[in-house]
């Protein structure tokens, strides 16, 4: 029964940390904000307002399970002071930039640097400071090295999540360009929940909650806790396909993870290198974000109106267009054998045959092909295609 109590209260620790609640609120807000832009751009909702919330609790939990098993058997422990700092840093990142600054490179990097700063200058945290646990140099060095390896692992996870899921269901919209014309754009915005199992050495948490169970391993005492880690990604593009952009950014993050892992190995011998690893992670992640923002700002825009056809931005799920292999940036030049240049032209051509639709599509290499599908009585007359057209 004592083991079950420790596990249940370890899970309960998740609900004592404000990051968990704030992240859920921001995910819900992001969903409704996306729907607002969809209705403003296309006069219709494209995805469910709860899509972000569903993504928040799905793939990340599976990843968290495998990492937590490794951390559990490795006996990974984290200081209560670090957890408090981490919650504060993550909350500030969410409040200032939604998901953009919640990369693990930034949240864990800054939290670890602040923790070391507090240790080095002997800054106390009142009831969070365990008077029976002394943070000697060896303990802190080992902790910082462990956090470096954890950061490397989480950067690998972040790269995987960006590569495999960030471009799924990207949010399309029409935005005004610098010249005042409407152009198509995609917002890639995801927040993944990665709850990690960790141990807190000593009796720090009982200073706040005297009922919290403490277990002993030899002469050392520990408490079990769930760390509410969140990994965020946010990037807008007007010049690239979402799938291509996500793969490029994931490759950059993967490279950073390799460097951090290498520094972690060296820090076993030279502990001070952990500080360099965290600084490198923070600066590199900011550089990756800035680089792709700048590239997108000055690159030729891909989703702009064309005089010889209608540019495609996407297809609504469950609509006739979703059954055809339409790719954003391509253009429709003919519908049912009639040339089309506007939405009105497309509607007129669809009236030729209300039971079947045949599109001539020109891809981004200028190569034409035919896409076709049957139309059913209860389906959308406009095919559910999201178009970029002059306004």
Protein backbone atom coordinates (compact mmCIF):
# COMPACT_ATOMS: atom_id res chain seq x y z
CA UNK A 1 0.00 0.00 0.00
CA UNK A 2 2.87 2.37 0.74
CA UNK A 3 4.22 1.96 -2.81
CA UNK A 4 0.77 2.69 -4.29
CA UNK A 5 0.47 5.80 -2.09
CA UNK A 6 3.86 7.06 -3.29
CA UNK A 7 2.89 6.53 -6.94
CA UNK A 8 -0.55 8.17 -6.57
CA UNK A 9 0.83 11.20 -4.78
CA UNK A 10 3.62 11.42 -7.32
CA UNK A 11 0.94 11.67 -10.01
CA UNK A 12 -0.92 14.20 -7.86
CA UNK A 13 2.20 16.39 -7.85
CA UNK A 14 1.45 17.15 -11.51
CA UNK A 15 -1.68 19.05 -10.43
CA UNK A 16 0.27 21.19 -7.96
CA UNK A 17 2.37 22.79 -10.69
CA UNK A 18 0.87 25.82 -12.46
CA UNK A 19 2.57 25.06 -15.80
CA UNK A 20 0.16 22.17 -16.35
CA UNK A 21 -2.97 24.33 -16.06
CA UNK A 22 -1.56 27.30 -17.95
CA UNK A 23 -0.40 25.09 -20.85
CA UNK A 24 -3.92 23.64 -21.20
CA UNK A 25 -5.45 27.13 -21.19
CA UNK A 26 -3.05 28.33 -23.87
CA UNK A 27 -3.70 25.25 -26.02
CA UNK A 28 -7.47 25.88 -25.85
CA UNK A 29 -6.94 29.56 -26.62
CA UNK A 30 -4.72 28.67 -29.59
CA UNK A 31 -7.50 26.47 -31.00
CA UNK A 32 -10.13 29.19 -30.83
CA UNK A 33 -7.72 31.81 -32.16
CA UNK A 34 -6.99 29.55 -35.14
CA UNK A 35 -10.70 29.08 -35.85
CA UNK A 36 -11.14 32.87 -35.77
CA UNK A 37 -8.46 33.27 -38.47
CA UNK A 38 -9.96 30.44 -40.53
CA UNK A 39 -13.39 32.08 -40.53
CA UNK A 40 -11.88 35.47 -41.30
CA UNK A 41 -9.89 34.08 -44.24
CA UNK A 42 -12.32 31.53 -45.71
CA UNK A 43 -15.67 32.19 -43.97
CA UNK A 44 -15.66 28.63 -42.67
CA UNK A 45 -14.04 26.59 -39.91
CA UNK A 46 -11.44 24.15 -41.28
CA UNK A 47 -10.39 22.13 -38.21
CA UNK A 48 -12.02 21.49 -34.84
CA UNK A 49 -11.27 24.13 -32.17
CA UNK A 50 -10.09 21.25 -29.95
CA UNK A 51 -7.50 19.93 -32.42
CA UNK A 52 -4.62 21.51 -30.48
CA UNK A 53 -5.90 20.07 -27.20
CA UNK A 54 -6.08 16.59 -28.74
CA UNK A 55 -2.51 16.90 -30.08
CA UNK A 56 -1.36 18.13 -26.65
CA UNK A 57 -2.37 14.87 -24.94
CA UNK A 58 -1.61 12.23 -27.60
CA UNK A 59 1.83 11.50 -29.05
CA UNK A 60 3.72 13.29 -26.26
CA UNK A 61 2.37 10.91 -23.61
CA UNK A 62 3.76 7.89 -25.44
CA UNK A 63 7.17 9.54 -25.73
CA UNK A 64 7.02 10.56 -22.07
CA UNK A 65 6.36 6.97 -21.00
CA UNK A 66 9.54 5.63 -22.60
CA UNK A 67 11.70 8.50 -21.33
CA UNK A 68 10.23 8.19 -17.82
CA UNK A 69 11.01 4.45 -17.73
CA UNK A 70 14.64 5.24 -18.56
CA UNK A 71 14.79 8.05 -15.98
CA UNK A 72 13.16 5.85 -13.33
CA UNK A 73 15.67 3.04 -13.63
CA UNK A 74 18.53 5.53 -13.98
CA UNK A 75 17.43 7.07 -10.66
CA UNK A 76 17.21 10.55 -12.18
CA UNK A 77 16.66 13.14 -9.45
CA UNK A 78 15.90 16.85 -9.70
CA UNK A 79 16.15 19.59 -7.09
CA UNK A 80 12.92 21.17 -5.81
CA UNK A 81 14.49 24.58 -6.37
CA UNK A 82 15.05 23.73 -10.05
CA UNK A 83 11.40 22.64 -10.42
CA UNK A 84 10.19 25.99 -9.07
CA UNK A 85 12.52 27.87 -11.42
CA UNK A 86 11.41 25.68 -14.34
CA UNK A 87 7.74 26.43 -13.66
CA UNK A 88 8.43 30.17 -13.55
CA UNK A 89 10.54 30.14 -16.75
CA UNK A 90 7.97 28.07 -18.67
CA UNK A 91 5.10 30.29 -17.54
CA UNK A 92 6.98 33.40 -18.68
CA UNK A 93 7.74 31.73 -22.03
CA UNK A 94 4.05 30.89 -22.56
CA UNK A 95 2.87 34.36 -21.52
CA UNK A 96 5.34 36.23 -23.73
CA UNK A 97 5.25 34.17 -26.91
CA UNK A 98 2.60 31.42 -26.77
CA UNK A 99 4.47 28.29 -28.01
CA UNK A 100 7.44 29.88 -29.77
CA UNK A 101 9.78 30.02 -26.75
CA UNK A 102 8.79 26.74 -25.11
CA UNK A 103 11.48 24.72 -26.83
CA UNK A 104 13.32 22.56 -24.30
CA UNK A 105 16.54 24.29 -25.32
CA UNK A 106 15.12 27.52 -23.90
CA UNK A 107 13.06 26.37 -20.91
CA UNK A 108 15.48 23.76 -19.56
CA UNK A 109 18.54 25.78 -20.62
CA UNK A 110 17.46 28.95 -18.81
CA UNK A 111 16.13 27.04 -15.78
CA UNK A 112 19.44 25.21 -15.33
CA UNK A 113 21.51 28.38 -15.70
CA UNK A 114 19.35 30.23 -13.17
CA UNK A 115 19.56 27.26 -10.80
CA UNK A 116 23.36 27.27 -11.01
CA UNK A 117 23.41 31.05 -10.50
CA UNK A 118 21.33 30.65 -7.32
CA UNK A 119 23.63 27.90 -6.09
CA UNK A 120 26.83 29.81 -6.90
CA UNK A 121 25.66 32.96 -5.13
CA UNK A 122 23.95 31.01 -2.32
CA UNK A 123 20.47 32.41 -3.00
CA UNK A 124 18.01 30.69 -0.65
CA UNK A 125 14.39 29.80 -1.47
CA UNK A 126 12.95 29.85 2.03
CA UNK A 127 10.72 26.81 2.68
CA UNK A 128 12.03 25.15 -0.48
CA UNK A 129 15.53 24.91 0.99
CA UNK A 130 16.12 21.64 2.81
CA UNK A 131 18.38 22.39 5.75
CA UNK A 132 19.36 18.72 5.91
CA UNK A 133 20.49 18.57 2.28
CA UNK A 134 23.72 20.34 1.44
CA UNK A 135 24.34 21.22 -2.21
CA UNK A 136 28.04 20.51 -2.42
CA UNK A 137 30.02 20.99 -5.62
CA UNK A 138 29.99 17.30 -6.56
CA UNK A 139 26.20 17.00 -6.17
CA UNK A 140 25.51 20.12 -8.28
CA UNK A 141 28.07 19.12 -10.92
CA UNK A 142 26.46 15.69 -11.27
CA UNK A 143 23.02 17.27 -11.45
CA UNK A 144 24.07 19.73 -14.16
CA UNK A 145 25.65 16.91 -16.18
CA UNK A 146 22.46 14.84 -15.86
CA UNK A 147 20.39 17.85 -17.01
CA UNK A 148 22.69 18.23 -20.03
CA UNK A 149 22.04 14.64 -21.08
CA UNK A 150 18.30 15.09 -20.43
CA UNK A 151 18.33 18.22 -22.60
CA UNK A 152 20.06 16.31 -25.42
CA UNK A 153 17.45 13.53 -25.25
CA UNK A 154 14.58 16.03 -25.24
CA UNK A 155 16.05 17.90 -28.21
CA UNK A 156 16.08 14.60 -30.13
CA UNK A 157 12.42 14.18 -29.11
CA UNK A 158 11.66 17.76 -30.15
CA UNK A 159 13.25 17.22 -33.56
CA UNK A 160 11.21 14.04 -34.03
CA UNK A 161 7.94 15.74 -33.05
CA UNK A 162 8.62 18.71 -35.35
CA UNK A 163 9.50 16.42 -38.25
CA UNK A 164 6.61 13.97 -37.86
CA UNK A 165 3.67 16.01 -36.52
CA UNK A 166 4.15 19.78 -36.78
CA UNK A 167 3.14 19.90 -40.47
CA UNK A 168 0.05 17.74 -39.98
CA UNK A 169 -3.09 19.88 -40.25
CA UNK A 170 -1.21 23.18 -40.67
CA UNK A 171 -3.36 26.27 -40.19
CA UNK A 172 -3.91 28.11 -43.51
CA UNK A 173 -4.90 31.76 -43.64
CA UNK A 174 -4.91 34.80 -45.88
CA UNK A 175 -2.69 37.65 -44.69
CA UNK A 176 -1.91 41.06 -46.06
CA UNK A 177 1.54 41.39 -47.57
CA UNK A 178 3.77 44.43 -47.31
CA UNK A 179 2.14 45.67 -50.54
CA UNK A 180 -1.35 45.38 -49.08
CA UNK A 181 -2.39 42.33 -51.13
CA UNK A 182 -3.77 39.14 -49.65
CA UNK A 183 -1.41 36.15 -49.84
CA UNK A 184 -1.65 32.64 -48.46
CA UNK A 185 0.29 31.58 -45.37
CA UNK A 186 0.57 28.60 -43.04
CA UNK A 187 0.95 28.73 -39.27
CA UNK A 188 2.66 25.68 -37.78
CA UNK A 189 1.81 25.73 -34.10
CA UNK A 190 2.03 22.76 -31.74
CA UNK A 191 2.43 22.18 -28.01
CA UNK A 192 3.24 18.67 -26.78
CA UNK A 193 2.81 17.50 -23.18
CA UNK A 194 5.72 15.37 -21.91
CA UNK A 195 5.17 14.45 -18.22
CA UNK A 196 8.39 13.00 -16.83
CA UNK A 197 8.90 10.91 -13.70
CA UNK A 198 11.68 12.20 -11.43
CA UNK A 199 12.87 11.92 -7.84
CA UNK A 200 13.50 14.80 -5.45
CA UNK A 201 16.38 14.07 -3.07
CA UNK A 202 15.95 14.88 0.61
CA UNK A 203 12.83 16.24 2.29
CA UNK A 204 12.44 19.52 0.42
CA UNK A 205 8.84 18.98 -0.67
CA UNK A 206 7.71 18.11 2.87
CA UNK A 207 8.62 21.65 3.88
CA UNK A 208 5.53 22.68 1.89
CA UNK A 209 3.41 19.52 2.19
CA UNK A 210 4.14 17.60 5.38
CA UNK A 211 1.82 14.77 4.28
CA UNK A 212 3.94 13.98 1.23
CA UNK A 213 5.32 10.40 1.31
CA UNK A 214 9.08 9.99 1.53
CA UNK A 215 10.85 6.72 0.77
CA UNK A 216 14.41 5.72 1.57
CA UNK A 217 17.16 4.06 -0.45
CA UNK A 218 19.95 3.23 1.96
CA UNK A 219 20.70 6.35 3.97
CA UNK A 220 19.17 8.69 1.36
CA UNK A 221 15.54 9.84 1.23
CA UNK A 222 13.54 10.74 -1.90
CA UNK A 223 10.11 11.82 -3.02
CA UNK A 224 8.46 10.99 -6.36
CA UNK A 225 7.22 13.79 -8.62
CA UNK A 226 5.85 14.25 -12.16
CA UNK A 227 7.53 17.09 -14.06
CA UNK A 228 5.02 18.80 -16.43
CA UNK A 229 7.36 19.38 -19.34
CA UNK A 230 5.90 20.97 -22.45
CA UNK A 231 7.59 21.28 -25.84
CA UNK A 232 6.36 24.02 -28.14
CA UNK A 233 6.87 24.82 -31.80
CA UNK A 234 5.60 27.79 -33.77
CA UNK A 235 6.65 28.99 -37.21
CA UNK A 236 4.85 30.83 -40.01
CA UNK A 237 5.62 30.39 -43.69
CA UNK A 238 4.52 32.13 -46.88
CA UNK A 239 7.32 30.78 -49.05
CA UNK A 240 7.59 27.07 -48.33
CA UNK A 241 5.46 23.94 -48.02
CA UNK A 242 4.78 23.14 -44.33
CA UNK A 243 6.19 19.60 -44.75
CA UNK A 244 9.45 20.91 -46.22
CA UNK A 245 9.83 23.63 -43.58
CA UNK A 246 9.25 21.24 -40.67
CA UNK A 247 11.83 18.76 -42.02
CA UNK A 248 14.42 21.55 -42.40
CA UNK A 249 13.91 22.88 -38.88
CA UNK A 250 13.87 19.36 -37.40
CA UNK A 251 17.23 18.69 -39.04
CA UNK A 252 18.71 21.80 -37.41
CA UNK A 253 17.34 20.82 -33.97
CA UNK A 254 18.68 17.27 -34.42
CA UNK A 255 22.14 18.64 -35.14
CA UNK A 256 21.93 20.78 -31.99
CA UNK A 257 20.96 17.69 -29.97
CA UNK A 258 24.06 15.85 -31.19
CA UNK A 259 26.30 18.74 -30.12
CA UNK A 260 24.66 18.96 -26.68
CA UNK A 261 25.07 15.19 -26.18
CA UNK A 262 28.75 15.46 -27.12
CA UNK A 263 29.29 18.29 -24.65
CA UNK A 264 27.47 16.21 -22.02
CA UNK A 265 30.02 13.43 -22.44
CA UNK A 266 32.90 15.90 -22.06
CA UNK A 267 31.25 17.46 -18.99
CA UNK A 268 31.72 14.19 -17.09
CA UNK A 269 35.41 15.10 -17.03
CA UNK A 270 35.05 18.90 -17.23
CA UNK A 271 31.82 19.79 -15.37
CA UNK A 272 31.94 23.50 -16.20
CA UNK A 273 31.15 22.61 -19.83
CA UNK A 274 27.53 22.07 -18.80
CA UNK A 275 27.15 25.86 -18.58
CA UNK A 276 28.47 26.16 -22.13
CA UNK A 277 26.01 23.47 -23.28
CA UNK A 278 23.01 25.37 -21.91
CA UNK A 279 24.16 28.70 -23.34
CA UNK A 280 24.82 27.05 -26.72
CA UNK A 281 21.37 25.41 -26.70
CA UNK A 282 19.59 28.70 -25.95
CA UNK A 283 21.49 30.77 -28.52
CA UNK A 284 21.26 28.08 -31.21
CA UNK A 285 17.50 27.63 -30.79
CA UNK A 286 16.94 31.38 -31.02
CA UNK A 287 19.16 31.46 -34.12
CA UNK A 288 17.15 28.66 -35.79
CA UNK A 289 13.90 30.54 -35.19
CA UNK A 290 15.34 33.85 -36.43
CA UNK A 291 16.97 32.27 -39.48
CA UNK A 292 13.77 30.72 -40.80
CA UNK A 293 11.74 33.84 -39.96
CA UNK A 294 14.20 35.95 -41.95
CA UNK A 295 14.35 33.46 -44.83
CA UNK A 296 10.57 33.49 -45.07
CA UNK A 297 10.41 37.28 -44.93
CA UNK A 298 12.74 37.80 -47.90
CA UNK A 299 11.99 34.67 -49.96
CA UNK A 300 9.56 34.82 -52.92
CA UNK A 301 6.01 34.20 -51.74
CA UNK A 302 4.60 30.86 -52.89
CA UNK A 303 0.88 31.36 -52.27
CA UNK A 304 -0.07 34.44 -54.30
CA UNK A 305 -2.90 34.99 -56.83
CA UNK A 306 -2.04 34.04 -60.43
CA UNK A 307 -3.56 35.55 -63.60
CA UNK A 308 -3.89 32.20 -65.43
CA UNK A 309 -5.55 30.08 -62.76
CA UNK A 310 -6.77 29.71 -59.18
CA UNK A 311 -4.07 29.02 -56.57
CA UNK A 312 -4.77 26.24 -54.07
CA UNK A 313 -4.00 26.71 -50.36
CA UNK A 314 -5.59 23.56 -49.02
CA UNK A 315 -8.63 21.28 -48.84
CA UNK A 316 -11.18 20.90 -46.07
CA UNK A 317 -11.27 17.49 -44.40
CA UNK A 318 -14.22 15.40 -45.57
CA UNK A 319 -14.87 17.52 -48.65
CA UNK A 320 -14.68 16.33 -52.30
CA UNK A 321 -11.34 18.12 -52.72
CA UNK A 322 -9.86 16.02 -49.90
CA UNK A 323 -10.25 12.95 -52.13
CA UNK A 324 -8.02 14.52 -54.76
CA UNK A 325 -4.24 14.90 -54.45
CA UNK A 326 -4.18 18.68 -54.33
CA UNK A 327 -1.04 20.36 -52.95
CA UNK A 328 -0.78 23.90 -51.63
CA UNK A 329 0.79 26.26 -54.17
CA UNK A 330 -0.57 24.42 -57.19
CA UNK A 331 -3.14 26.12 -59.43
CA UNK A 332 -6.33 25.02 -61.12
CA UNK A 333 -6.51 26.10 -64.77
CA UNK A 334 -9.52 24.11 -65.97
CA UNK A 335 -12.68 22.70 -64.38
CA UNK A 336 -14.73 20.21 -66.41
CA UNK A 337 -12.90 21.31 -69.56
CA UNK A 338 -13.55 25.05 -69.05
CA UNK A 339 -10.68 27.51 -68.37
CA UNK A 340 -11.05 29.18 -64.94
CA UNK A 341 -9.39 32.25 -63.47
CA UNK A 342 -11.78 33.16 -60.64
CA UNK A 343 -14.05 31.46 -58.11
CA UNK A 344 -17.08 32.50 -60.22
CA UNK A 345 -15.56 30.75 -63.25
CA UNK A 346 -15.11 27.59 -61.17
CA UNK A 347 -18.74 27.59 -59.96
CA UNK A 348 -19.97 28.07 -63.52
CA UNK A 349 -17.84 25.15 -64.74
CA UNK A 350 -19.05 22.90 -61.90
CA UNK A 351 -22.63 23.40 -63.12
CA UNK A 352 -21.75 21.56 -66.32
CA UNK A 353 -21.77 18.26 -64.45
CA UNK A 354 -23.12 18.22 -60.88
CA UNK A 355 -22.24 14.53 -60.41
CA UNK A 356 -18.60 14.61 -61.42
CA UNK A 357 -15.65 17.02 -61.22
CA UNK A 358 -12.57 16.99 -63.40
CA UNK A 359 -9.76 19.45 -62.64
CA UNK A 360 -6.69 20.34 -64.63
CA UNK A 361 -3.99 21.18 -62.08
CA UNK A 362 -0.56 22.68 -62.77
CA UNK A 363 2.07 21.80 -60.18
CA UNK A 364 4.89 24.06 -59.03
CA UNK A 365 7.18 22.74 -61.76
CA UNK A 366 4.70 23.80 -64.42
CA UNK A 367 3.63 20.20 -65.16
CA UNK A 368 -0.14 19.70 -65.72
CA UNK A 369 -2.13 16.70 -64.49
CA UNK A 370 -5.75 15.69 -64.10
CA UNK A 371 -7.51 15.24 -60.73
CA UNK A 372 -11.08 14.01 -60.65
CA UNK A 373 -13.76 12.74 -58.25
CA UNK A 374 -17.46 11.95 -58.10
CA UNK A 375 -19.77 14.47 -56.44
CA UNK A 376 -22.60 13.40 -54.17
CA UNK A 377 -25.83 15.19 -53.38
CA UNK A 378 -25.01 16.10 -49.78
CA UNK A 379 -21.49 17.38 -50.48
CA UNK A 380 -20.19 20.94 -50.62
CA UNK A 381 -20.87 22.59 -53.98
CA UNK A 382 -17.61 24.55 -53.89
CA UNK A 383 -15.62 21.31 -53.42
CA UNK A 384 -14.10 22.46 -50.12
CA UNK A 385 -10.99 23.91 -51.81
CA UNK A 386 -9.26 26.75 -49.96
CA UNK A 387 -8.25 29.31 -52.58
CA UNK A 388 -5.90 32.28 -52.81
CA UNK A 389 -7.62 34.93 -54.89
CA UNK A 390 -7.52 38.71 -55.24
CA UNK A 391 -9.69 40.74 -52.87
